[in-house]
N, C-alpha and C. Protein backbone atom coordinates (compact mmCIF):
# COMPACT_ATOMS: atom_id res chain seq x y z
N MET A 1 17.56 -229.64 124.29
CA MET A 1 17.18 -229.65 122.86
C MET A 1 16.36 -230.89 122.54
N LYS A 2 15.26 -230.71 121.90
CA LYS A 2 14.42 -231.83 121.54
C LYS A 2 14.94 -232.71 120.46
N PRO A 3 14.74 -234.04 120.52
CA PRO A 3 15.21 -234.84 119.40
C PRO A 3 14.29 -234.55 118.18
N ALA A 4 14.88 -234.77 117.03
CA ALA A 4 14.15 -234.50 115.79
C ALA A 4 13.16 -235.63 115.52
N SER A 5 12.01 -235.19 114.83
CA SER A 5 11.13 -236.25 114.37
C SER A 5 11.82 -237.01 113.20
N PRO A 6 11.36 -238.22 112.93
CA PRO A 6 11.89 -238.97 111.80
C PRO A 6 11.84 -238.23 110.50
N ALA A 7 10.73 -237.50 110.27
CA ALA A 7 10.54 -236.74 109.02
C ALA A 7 11.52 -235.61 108.89
N CYS A 8 12.09 -235.11 110.05
CA CYS A 8 12.87 -233.99 109.97
C CYS A 8 14.34 -234.35 109.32
N CYS A 9 14.91 -235.44 109.68
CA CYS A 9 16.11 -235.82 109.06
C CYS A 9 16.04 -237.32 108.76
N PRO A 10 15.67 -237.71 107.63
CA PRO A 10 15.38 -239.11 107.27
C PRO A 10 16.88 -239.78 107.26
N PRO A 11 16.83 -241.11 107.43
CA PRO A 11 18.14 -241.82 107.55
C PRO A 11 18.89 -241.62 106.24
N PRO A 12 20.18 -241.48 106.31
CA PRO A 12 21.05 -241.26 105.13
C PRO A 12 21.22 -242.65 104.42
N ALA A 13 21.55 -242.65 103.17
CA ALA A 13 21.81 -243.82 102.38
C ALA A 13 23.14 -244.39 102.97
N ASP A 14 23.10 -245.72 102.96
CA ASP A 14 24.26 -246.44 103.49
C ASP A 14 25.16 -247.23 102.42
N GLU A 15 24.82 -247.01 101.17
CA GLU A 15 25.60 -247.71 100.21
C GLU A 15 27.08 -247.23 100.29
N PRO A 16 27.98 -248.20 99.90
CA PRO A 16 29.40 -247.89 100.04
C PRO A 16 29.75 -246.90 98.93
N ASP A 17 30.83 -246.10 99.21
CA ASP A 17 31.35 -245.16 98.24
C ASP A 17 32.54 -245.76 97.66
N LEU A 18 32.57 -246.10 96.49
CA LEU A 18 33.65 -246.88 95.81
C LEU A 18 34.51 -245.96 94.95
N ARG A 19 34.39 -244.58 95.05
CA ARG A 19 35.16 -243.74 94.31
C ARG A 19 36.73 -243.74 94.78
N PRO A 20 37.60 -243.58 93.77
CA PRO A 20 39.01 -243.53 94.24
C PRO A 20 39.32 -242.39 95.22
N VAL A 21 40.31 -242.64 96.04
CA VAL A 21 40.69 -241.70 97.01
C VAL A 21 42.01 -240.90 96.56
N GLN A 22 42.46 -241.22 95.42
CA GLN A 22 43.69 -240.52 94.82
C GLN A 22 43.29 -240.06 93.42
N GLY A 23 43.91 -239.04 92.88
CA GLY A 23 43.70 -238.56 91.56
C GLY A 23 43.11 -237.09 91.64
N ASP A 24 43.01 -236.53 90.49
CA ASP A 24 42.68 -235.12 90.37
C ASP A 24 41.29 -234.87 91.09
N ALA A 25 40.34 -235.73 90.77
CA ALA A 25 38.92 -235.47 91.27
C ALA A 25 38.97 -235.62 92.83
N ALA A 26 39.68 -236.64 93.32
CA ALA A 26 39.68 -236.85 94.76
C ALA A 26 40.38 -235.72 95.48
N ASP A 27 41.46 -235.17 94.84
CA ASP A 27 42.15 -234.06 95.36
C ASP A 27 41.30 -232.85 95.53
N GLU A 28 40.52 -232.53 94.46
CA GLU A 28 39.59 -231.44 94.48
C GLU A 28 38.55 -231.64 95.54
N GLU A 29 37.99 -232.82 95.67
CA GLU A 29 37.02 -233.15 96.72
C GLU A 29 37.54 -232.95 98.07
N LEU A 30 38.73 -233.50 98.33
CA LEU A 30 39.31 -233.30 99.64
C LEU A 30 39.60 -231.84 100.02
N ALA A 31 40.06 -231.03 98.91
CA ALA A 31 40.33 -229.67 99.14
C ALA A 31 39.00 -228.87 99.51
N ALA A 32 37.91 -229.25 98.86
CA ALA A 32 36.62 -228.54 99.08
C ALA A 32 36.10 -228.94 100.56
N LEU A 33 36.21 -230.19 100.89
CA LEU A 33 35.81 -230.58 102.26
C LEU A 33 36.63 -229.96 103.27
N THR A 34 37.85 -229.96 103.23
CA THR A 34 38.75 -229.35 104.18
C THR A 34 38.67 -227.88 104.30
N LYS A 35 38.40 -227.22 103.14
CA LYS A 35 38.12 -225.79 103.16
C LYS A 35 36.86 -225.53 103.92
N ALA A 36 35.86 -226.32 103.78
CA ALA A 36 34.64 -226.03 104.53
C ALA A 36 34.83 -226.19 106.00
N LEU A 37 35.71 -227.11 106.38
CA LEU A 37 36.00 -227.28 107.73
C LEU A 37 37.18 -226.52 108.32
N GLY A 38 37.62 -225.50 107.43
CA GLY A 38 38.75 -224.72 107.75
C GLY A 38 38.35 -223.49 108.69
N HIS A 39 37.22 -223.42 109.22
CA HIS A 39 36.90 -222.30 110.10
C HIS A 39 36.41 -223.07 111.40
N PRO A 40 37.02 -222.59 112.60
CA PRO A 40 36.64 -223.25 113.84
C PRO A 40 35.19 -223.30 114.22
N ILE A 41 34.36 -222.28 113.81
CA ILE A 41 32.92 -222.34 114.05
C ILE A 41 32.27 -223.54 113.26
N ARG A 42 32.74 -223.74 112.04
CA ARG A 42 32.18 -224.89 111.32
C ARG A 42 32.53 -226.20 111.90
N VAL A 43 33.76 -226.31 112.50
CA VAL A 43 34.15 -227.49 113.16
C VAL A 43 33.20 -227.70 114.39
N GLN A 44 32.99 -226.59 115.13
CA GLN A 44 32.07 -226.66 116.36
C GLN A 44 30.67 -227.14 115.93
N ILE A 45 30.15 -226.62 114.77
CA ILE A 45 28.91 -227.02 114.32
C ILE A 45 28.85 -228.48 114.06
N VAL A 46 29.86 -229.06 113.38
CA VAL A 46 29.93 -230.48 113.10
C VAL A 46 30.01 -231.26 114.35
N ARG A 47 30.81 -230.83 115.33
CA ARG A 47 30.89 -231.50 116.59
C ARG A 47 29.47 -231.48 117.34
N LEU A 48 28.81 -230.31 117.33
CA LEU A 48 27.52 -230.14 117.88
C LEU A 48 26.53 -231.20 117.26
N LEU A 49 26.49 -231.31 115.93
CA LEU A 49 25.61 -232.22 115.27
C LEU A 49 25.98 -233.65 115.51
N THR A 50 27.32 -233.93 115.80
CA THR A 50 27.73 -235.25 116.14
C THR A 50 27.07 -235.72 117.46
N ARG A 51 26.95 -234.79 118.37
CA ARG A 51 26.44 -235.08 119.74
C ARG A 51 24.93 -235.29 119.72
N ARG A 52 24.25 -234.75 118.64
CA ARG A 52 22.83 -234.86 118.55
C ARG A 52 22.42 -235.46 117.23
N GLU A 53 21.20 -236.02 117.18
CA GLU A 53 20.70 -236.59 115.97
C GLU A 53 20.33 -235.51 114.94
N SER A 54 19.96 -234.35 115.33
CA SER A 54 19.72 -233.21 114.53
C SER A 54 19.56 -231.98 115.41
N CYS A 55 19.51 -230.84 114.78
CA CYS A 55 19.42 -229.54 115.53
C CYS A 55 18.61 -228.58 114.61
N ILE A 56 17.80 -227.85 115.29
CA ILE A 56 17.05 -226.77 114.62
C ILE A 56 18.00 -225.67 114.60
N CYS A 57 18.01 -224.87 113.59
CA CYS A 57 18.92 -223.70 113.41
C CYS A 57 18.95 -222.84 114.64
N GLY A 58 17.82 -222.49 115.23
CA GLY A 58 17.76 -221.68 116.36
C GLY A 58 18.51 -222.28 117.58
N ASP A 59 18.51 -223.61 117.74
CA ASP A 59 19.20 -224.35 118.82
C ASP A 59 20.66 -224.16 118.52
N ILE A 60 21.14 -224.25 117.27
CA ILE A 60 22.55 -224.17 116.98
C ILE A 60 23.02 -222.78 117.34
N VAL A 61 22.24 -221.71 117.01
CA VAL A 61 22.62 -220.27 117.35
C VAL A 61 22.76 -220.16 118.81
N LYS A 62 21.94 -220.85 119.63
CA LYS A 62 21.99 -220.71 121.09
C LYS A 62 23.35 -221.26 121.63
N GLU A 63 23.88 -222.24 120.98
CA GLU A 63 25.17 -222.91 121.32
C GLU A 63 26.48 -222.06 120.93
N LEU A 64 26.28 -221.09 120.03
CA LEU A 64 27.42 -220.43 119.48
C LEU A 64 27.39 -218.92 119.76
N PRO A 65 28.52 -218.28 120.02
CA PRO A 65 28.51 -216.87 120.28
C PRO A 65 28.41 -215.97 119.04
N LEU A 66 27.45 -216.27 118.08
CA LEU A 66 27.39 -215.60 116.79
C LEU A 66 25.96 -215.16 116.53
N ALA A 67 25.75 -214.22 115.69
CA ALA A 67 24.42 -213.90 115.22
C ALA A 67 23.82 -214.99 114.39
N GLN A 68 22.52 -215.02 114.29
CA GLN A 68 21.75 -216.09 113.52
C GLN A 68 22.30 -215.99 112.06
N SER A 69 22.41 -214.88 111.47
CA SER A 69 22.84 -214.73 110.12
C SER A 69 24.22 -215.34 109.85
N THR A 70 25.06 -215.19 110.76
CA THR A 70 26.44 -215.70 110.65
C THR A 70 26.47 -217.19 110.76
N VAL A 71 25.71 -217.72 111.67
CA VAL A 71 25.63 -219.18 111.80
C VAL A 71 24.95 -219.76 110.60
N SER A 72 23.93 -219.14 110.04
CA SER A 72 23.31 -219.56 108.68
C SER A 72 24.34 -219.64 107.64
N GLN A 73 25.19 -218.63 107.54
CA GLN A 73 26.21 -218.66 106.51
C GLN A 73 27.18 -219.82 106.68
N HIS A 74 27.52 -220.13 107.92
CA HIS A 74 28.45 -221.34 108.11
C HIS A 74 27.69 -222.60 107.80
N LEU A 75 26.44 -222.69 108.15
CA LEU A 75 25.61 -223.88 107.84
C LEU A 75 25.56 -224.03 106.28
N LYS A 76 25.41 -222.95 105.59
CA LYS A 76 25.29 -222.95 104.17
C LYS A 76 26.57 -223.56 103.51
N VAL A 77 27.74 -223.15 104.07
CA VAL A 77 29.00 -223.68 103.54
C VAL A 77 29.06 -225.17 103.75
N LEU A 78 28.73 -225.55 104.92
CA LEU A 78 28.78 -227.07 105.27
C LEU A 78 27.76 -227.86 104.44
N LYS A 79 26.66 -227.25 104.16
CA LYS A 79 25.60 -227.89 103.36
C LYS A 79 26.05 -227.97 101.86
N GLU A 80 26.66 -226.98 101.37
CA GLU A 80 27.13 -226.95 99.95
C GLU A 80 28.06 -228.08 99.68
N VAL A 81 28.96 -228.44 100.55
CA VAL A 81 29.90 -229.56 100.30
C VAL A 81 29.33 -230.88 100.72
N GLY A 82 28.21 -230.90 101.30
CA GLY A 82 27.51 -232.12 101.64
C GLY A 82 27.83 -232.72 103.02
N LEU A 83 28.46 -231.99 103.85
CA LEU A 83 28.83 -232.44 105.23
C LEU A 83 27.57 -232.55 106.13
N ILE A 84 26.64 -231.68 105.83
CA ILE A 84 25.30 -231.71 106.58
C ILE A 84 24.16 -231.62 105.58
N ARG A 85 22.97 -231.99 106.05
CA ARG A 85 21.74 -231.93 105.37
C ARG A 85 20.80 -230.94 106.18
N GLY A 86 20.08 -230.19 105.43
CA GLY A 86 19.12 -229.25 106.06
C GLY A 86 17.73 -229.51 105.56
N GLU A 87 16.80 -229.93 106.37
CA GLU A 87 15.43 -230.21 105.96
C GLU A 87 14.51 -229.23 106.57
N ILE A 88 13.68 -228.64 105.74
CA ILE A 88 12.67 -227.57 106.18
C ILE A 88 11.55 -228.34 106.89
N ASP A 89 11.28 -227.95 108.14
CA ASP A 89 10.23 -228.57 108.94
C ASP A 89 9.34 -227.53 109.42
N GLY A 90 8.40 -227.19 108.61
CA GLY A 90 7.55 -226.03 108.84
C GLY A 90 8.36 -224.71 108.83
N PRO A 91 8.23 -223.87 109.86
CA PRO A 91 8.97 -222.61 109.83
C PRO A 91 10.48 -222.76 110.27
N ARG A 92 10.86 -224.01 110.61
CA ARG A 92 12.27 -224.27 111.10
C ARG A 92 13.04 -225.08 109.99
N THR A 93 14.32 -225.01 110.17
CA THR A 93 15.22 -225.75 109.37
C THR A 93 15.98 -226.64 110.28
N CYS A 94 15.93 -227.96 110.12
CA CYS A 94 16.57 -228.94 110.95
C CYS A 94 17.83 -229.44 110.25
N TYR A 95 19.00 -229.39 110.87
CA TYR A 95 20.24 -229.82 110.24
C TYR A 95 20.73 -231.17 110.95
N CYS A 96 21.29 -231.91 110.03
CA CYS A 96 21.86 -233.33 110.38
C CYS A 96 23.24 -233.50 109.68
N LEU A 97 24.05 -234.27 110.36
CA LEU A 97 25.23 -234.66 109.58
C LEU A 97 24.95 -235.61 108.51
N GLU A 98 25.81 -235.62 107.56
CA GLU A 98 25.70 -236.62 106.46
C GLU A 98 26.85 -237.62 106.59
N PRO A 99 26.52 -238.73 107.22
CA PRO A 99 27.54 -239.71 107.63
C PRO A 99 28.37 -240.15 106.39
N ARG A 100 27.72 -240.33 105.20
CA ARG A 100 28.42 -240.78 104.04
C ARG A 100 29.57 -239.88 103.69
N THR A 101 29.28 -238.52 103.74
CA THR A 101 30.30 -237.61 103.44
C THR A 101 31.43 -237.60 104.45
N LEU A 102 31.09 -237.80 105.69
CA LEU A 102 32.14 -237.91 106.78
C LEU A 102 33.07 -239.07 106.50
N ARG A 103 32.34 -240.24 106.15
CA ARG A 103 33.21 -241.42 105.80
C ARG A 103 34.09 -241.19 104.65
N ARG A 104 33.58 -240.46 103.59
CA ARG A 104 34.39 -240.13 102.49
C ARG A 104 35.50 -239.22 102.84
N LEU A 105 35.30 -238.24 103.64
CA LEU A 105 36.32 -237.38 104.12
C LEU A 105 37.41 -238.16 104.80
N LYS A 106 37.09 -239.09 105.69
CA LYS A 106 38.03 -239.95 106.27
C LYS A 106 38.84 -240.79 105.35
N ALA A 107 38.20 -241.30 104.37
CA ALA A 107 38.83 -242.10 103.31
C ALA A 107 39.87 -241.29 102.51
N LEU A 108 39.44 -240.07 102.17
CA LEU A 108 40.29 -239.20 101.39
C LEU A 108 41.52 -238.82 102.24
N ILE A 109 41.30 -238.49 103.48
CA ILE A 109 42.49 -238.18 104.37
C ILE A 109 43.42 -239.41 104.54
N GLY A 110 42.79 -240.59 104.65
CA GLY A 110 43.56 -241.86 104.73
C GLY A 110 44.32 -242.14 103.48
N GLY A 111 43.94 -241.59 102.34
CA GLY A 111 44.56 -241.80 101.09
C GLY A 111 45.79 -240.85 100.93
N LEU A 112 46.01 -239.98 101.87
CA LEU A 112 47.21 -239.07 101.75
C LEU A 112 48.49 -239.78 101.87
């Protein structure tokens, strides 16, 4: 798999997340994030993106035993909760992890 160009997945913002890890809003956020990761294929996609700086959707499809439309639906769920970013790069869509959201997920789980 080819590494992504810098324009494909720009560096994420590194500012700290100072939101509370307990309370109603934090509970709803944790529930949404864990629900998005509640499918084994989505966990596999996150692991795949962890091993690479970015992936083109077609490359992700090659790694999974699913149709492109099914993989796209899983990517959509992960993107909606902010676990990944998808940048359009010409005719392709390049996906990257969103480290800030992963750090937030860890903090929310740590607050249990």
